[in-house]
C-alpha atoms as a PDB file:
ATOM      1  CA  MET A   1       0.000   0.000   0.000  1.00  0.00           C
ATOM      2  CA  ILE A   2       1.307   3.458  -0.918  1.00  0.00           C
ATOM      3  CA  THR A   3       0.908   5.811   2.039  1.00  0.00           C
ATOM      4  CA  SER A   4       2.436   8.966   0.531  1.00  0.00           C
ATOM      5  CA  LEU A   5       4.204  10.348  -2.519  1.00  0.00           C
ATOM      6  CA  ILE A   6       6.556  13.308  -2.974  1.00  0.00           C
ATOM      7  CA  THR A   7       5.866  15.863  -5.714  1.00  0.00           C
ATOM      8  CA  THR A   8       6.862  19.457  -6.463  1.00  0.00           C
ATOM      9  CA  ALA A   9       4.553  22.463  -6.710  1.00  0.00           C
ATOM     10  CA  SER A  10       5.596  25.856  -8.031  1.00  0.00           C
ATOM     11  CA  GLY A  11       3.827  29.146  -8.482  1.00  0.00           C
ATOM     12  CA  GLU A  12       3.109  32.574  -7.039  1.00  0.00           C
ATOM     13  CA  VAL A  13       1.920  32.907  -3.446  1.00  0.00           C
ATOM     14  CA  THR A  14      -1.596  34.394  -3.607  1.00  0.00           C
ATOM     15  CA  GLU A  15      -2.748  33.769  -0.034  1.00  0.00           C
ATOM     16  CA  ILE A  16      -1.145  33.093   3.346  1.00  0.00           C
ATOM     17  CA  SER A  17      -3.323  31.782   6.167  1.00  0.00           C
ATOM     18  CA  ASP A  18      -1.989  30.319   9.418  1.00  0.00           C
ATOM     19  CA  ARG A  19       0.610  27.817   8.151  1.00  0.00           C
ATOM     20  CA  THR A  20      -0.828  27.351   4.650  1.00  0.00           C
ATOM     21  CA  LEU A  21       0.270  28.844   1.350  1.00  0.00           C
ATOM     22  CA  THR A  22      -2.019  29.112  -1.656  1.00  0.00           C
ATOM     23  CA  LEU A  23      -0.142  29.081  -4.957  1.00  0.00           C
ATOM     24  CA  SER A  24      -1.391  30.161  -8.359  1.00  0.00           C
ATOM     25  CA  LYS A  25       0.079  29.239 -11.732  1.00  0.00           C
ATOM     26  CA  GLU A  26      -1.513  29.423 -15.180  1.00  0.00           C
ATOM     27  CA  GLY A  27      -4.998  29.862 -13.672  1.00  0.00           C
ATOM     28  CA  ASP A  28      -4.754  26.897 -11.287  1.00  0.00           C
ATOM     29  CA  THR A  29      -4.556  27.226  -7.498  1.00  0.00           C
ATOM     30  CA  LEU A  30      -3.225  24.851  -4.873  1.00  0.00           C
ATOM     31  CA  THR A  31      -3.183  25.126  -1.072  1.00  0.00           C
ATOM     32  CA  ILE A  32      -0.313  23.523   0.845  1.00  0.00           C
ATOM     33  CA  LEU A  33       0.181  23.108   4.597  1.00  0.00           C
ATOM     34  CA  ILE A  34       3.668  24.108   5.775  1.00  0.00           C
ATOM     35  CA  LYS A  35       4.505  22.430   9.099  1.00  0.00           C
ATOM     36  CA  GLU A  36       6.497  24.197  11.831  1.00  0.00           C
ATOM     37  CA  ASP A  37       9.600  22.050  11.192  1.00  0.00           C
ATOM     38  CA  THR A  38       9.578  22.460   7.397  1.00  0.00           C
ATOM     39  CA  PRO A  39      12.860  24.012   6.169  1.00  0.00           C
ATOM     40  CA  ILE A  40      12.270  27.261   4.256  1.00  0.00           C
ATOM     41  CA  TYR A  41      15.004  28.830   2.127  1.00  0.00           C
ATOM     42  CA  GLN A  42      15.449  32.037   0.133  1.00  0.00           C
ATOM     43  CA  GLU A  43      17.429  31.614  -3.080  1.00  0.00           C
ATOM     44  CA  ILE A  44      20.221  34.194  -3.291  1.00  0.00           C
ATOM     45  CA  PRO A  45      21.550  35.534  -6.609  1.00  0.00           C
ATOM     46  CA  SER A  46      25.281  34.835  -7.072  1.00  0.00           C
ATOM     47  CA  GLU A  47      26.505  38.400  -6.653  1.00  0.00           C
ATOM     48  CA  GLU A  48      25.255  38.464  -3.052  1.00  0.00           C
ATOM     49  CA  ILE A  49      27.345  35.548  -1.735  1.00  0.00           C
ATOM     50  CA  GLU A  50      30.410  37.087  -0.068  1.00  0.00           C
ATOM     51  CA  GLY A  51      31.675  38.543  -3.340  1.00  0.00           C
ATOM     52  CA  VAL A  52      32.656  35.093  -4.638  1.00  0.00           C
ATOM     53  CA  PRO A  53      31.173  34.100  -8.027  1.00  0.00           C
ATOM     54  CA  THR A  54      28.726  31.332  -7.175  1.00  0.00           C
ATOM     55  CA  PRO A  55      25.863  30.136  -9.399  1.00  0.00           C
ATOM     56  CA  VAL A  56      23.169  30.184  -6.705  1.00  0.00           C
ATOM     57  CA  GLY A  57      23.081  30.127  -2.941  1.00  0.00           C
ATOM     58  CA  LYS A  58      20.390  29.924  -0.320  1.00  0.00           C
ATOM     59  CA  LYS A  59      19.751  31.067   3.219  1.00  0.00           C
ATOM     60  CA  GLU A  60      17.235  29.746   5.704  1.00  0.00           C
ATOM     61  CA  ILE A  61      14.316  32.081   6.454  1.00  0.00           C
ATOM     62  CA  GLU A  62      11.202  31.998   8.634  1.00  0.00           C
ATOM     63  CA  PHE A  63       7.663  31.254   7.406  1.00  0.00           C
ATOM     64  CA  GLY A  64       6.665  34.833   8.294  1.00  0.00           C
ATOM     65  CA  GLU A  65       9.151  36.191   5.734  1.00  0.00           C
ATOM     66  CA  ILE A  66       7.168  34.701   2.834  1.00  0.00           C
ATOM     67  CA  LYS A  67       5.028  37.367   1.144  1.00  0.00           C
ATOM     68  CA  ILE A  68       2.094  37.397  -1.245  1.00  0.00           C
ATOM     69  CA  GLY A  69       3.559  37.688  -4.734  1.00  0.00           C
ATOM     70  CA  ASP A  70       6.643  35.583  -3.947  1.00  0.00           C
ATOM     71  CA  LYS A  71       7.488  32.855  -6.443  1.00  0.00           C
ATOM     72  CA  VAL A  72       8.145  29.517  -4.715  1.00  0.00           C
ATOM     73  CA  ASN A  73       9.006  25.880  -5.347  1.00  0.00           C
ATOM     74  CA  ILE A  74       7.663  23.509  -2.699  1.00  0.00           C
ATOM     75  CA  SER A  75       8.508  19.827  -2.336  1.00  0.00           C
ATOM     76  CA  CYS A  76       5.241  18.310  -1.124  1.00  0.00           C
ATOM     77  CA  GLN A  77       4.142  15.060   0.390  1.00  0.00           C
ATOM     78  CA  LEU A  78       0.836  13.861  -1.044  1.00  0.00           C
ATOM     79  CA  LYS A  79      -1.111  12.550   1.933  1.00  0.00           C
ATOM     80  CA  VAL A  80      -3.522   9.612   1.804  1.00  0.00           C
ATOM     81  CA  ASP A  81      -6.477  12.012   2.172  1.00  0.00           C
ATOM     82  CA  GLY A  82      -5.376  13.916  -0.958  1.00  0.00           C
ATOM     83  CA  SER A  83      -4.004  16.964   0.878  1.00  0.00           C
ATOM     84  CA  LEU A  84      -0.508  18.319   0.313  1.00  0.00           C
ATOM     85  CA  GLU A  85       2.045  18.978   3.050  1.00  0.00           C
ATOM     86  CA  GLY A  86       5.191  20.960   2.267  1.00  0.00           C
ATOM     87  CA  VAL A  87       8.440  19.235   3.220  1.00  0.00           C
ATOM     88  CA  ASP A  88      10.825  21.858   1.756  1.00  0.00           C
ATOM     89  CA  VAL A  89      10.172  25.422   0.543  1.00  0.00           C
ATOM     90  CA  MET A  90      12.390  27.522  -1.741  1.00  0.00           C
ATOM     91  CA  VAL A  91      11.485  31.197  -2.243  1.00  0.00           C
ATOM     92  CA  LEU A  92      12.829  32.318  -5.614  1.00  0.00           C
ATOM     93  CA  PRO A  93      14.368  35.747  -6.317  1.00  0.00           C
END
């Protein structure tokens, strides 16, 4: 029996409520629960990483730093009941 699957969701944050993010992309919307222990990162453009040319970096941020309009990629666990739970969040520049 399959109890969960991992998938990726991406889009623009259109709503933030408690610990859930609603994403929109190409007219579709998706709501994802982000647990307290879910790692959340902000992607950093290369020129901001200590002056050393680096393709892309990331820094850990808090859930409260995510804003409506942010573009995100979220690794999600598909639960048995059909809901999605974020297991890793990347806020894109």
